[in-house]
Amino acid sequence: MVASGPFPVARGKRVTEIYSKEEQMAKYGKKASEKVEKAMHERKKGTLKSGRSGKKVKSRKQAIAIGLSQARRAGAKVPRKKSSSKTK
């Protein structure tokens, strides 16, 4: 690729050929999206509860996290959780 101007241009290839969908791998599997979707619906209905405390989940981000966690336990294709680095 040659950078001429604001857009990258490849010699002999179209831009659509460079950035095709076939080359990109999906981060999340179908089962993961189904689990997150189910968790979001439960949150909307008010039936989604937190794991330990059993309180109702109101946060959208927390509902997504719960759905991804359930997907991981079910063996779906989900990236690993980011681990916190411990400082001494």
Foldseek 3Di string as FASTA:
>chain_A
DDDDPPDDDDPPDDPCVVDDPVVDDDQWDPQLVVLLVVLVVCLVVQNDADDPPRHTDNDSVVSSVVSNVVCVVVVTRHDDDDDDDDDD
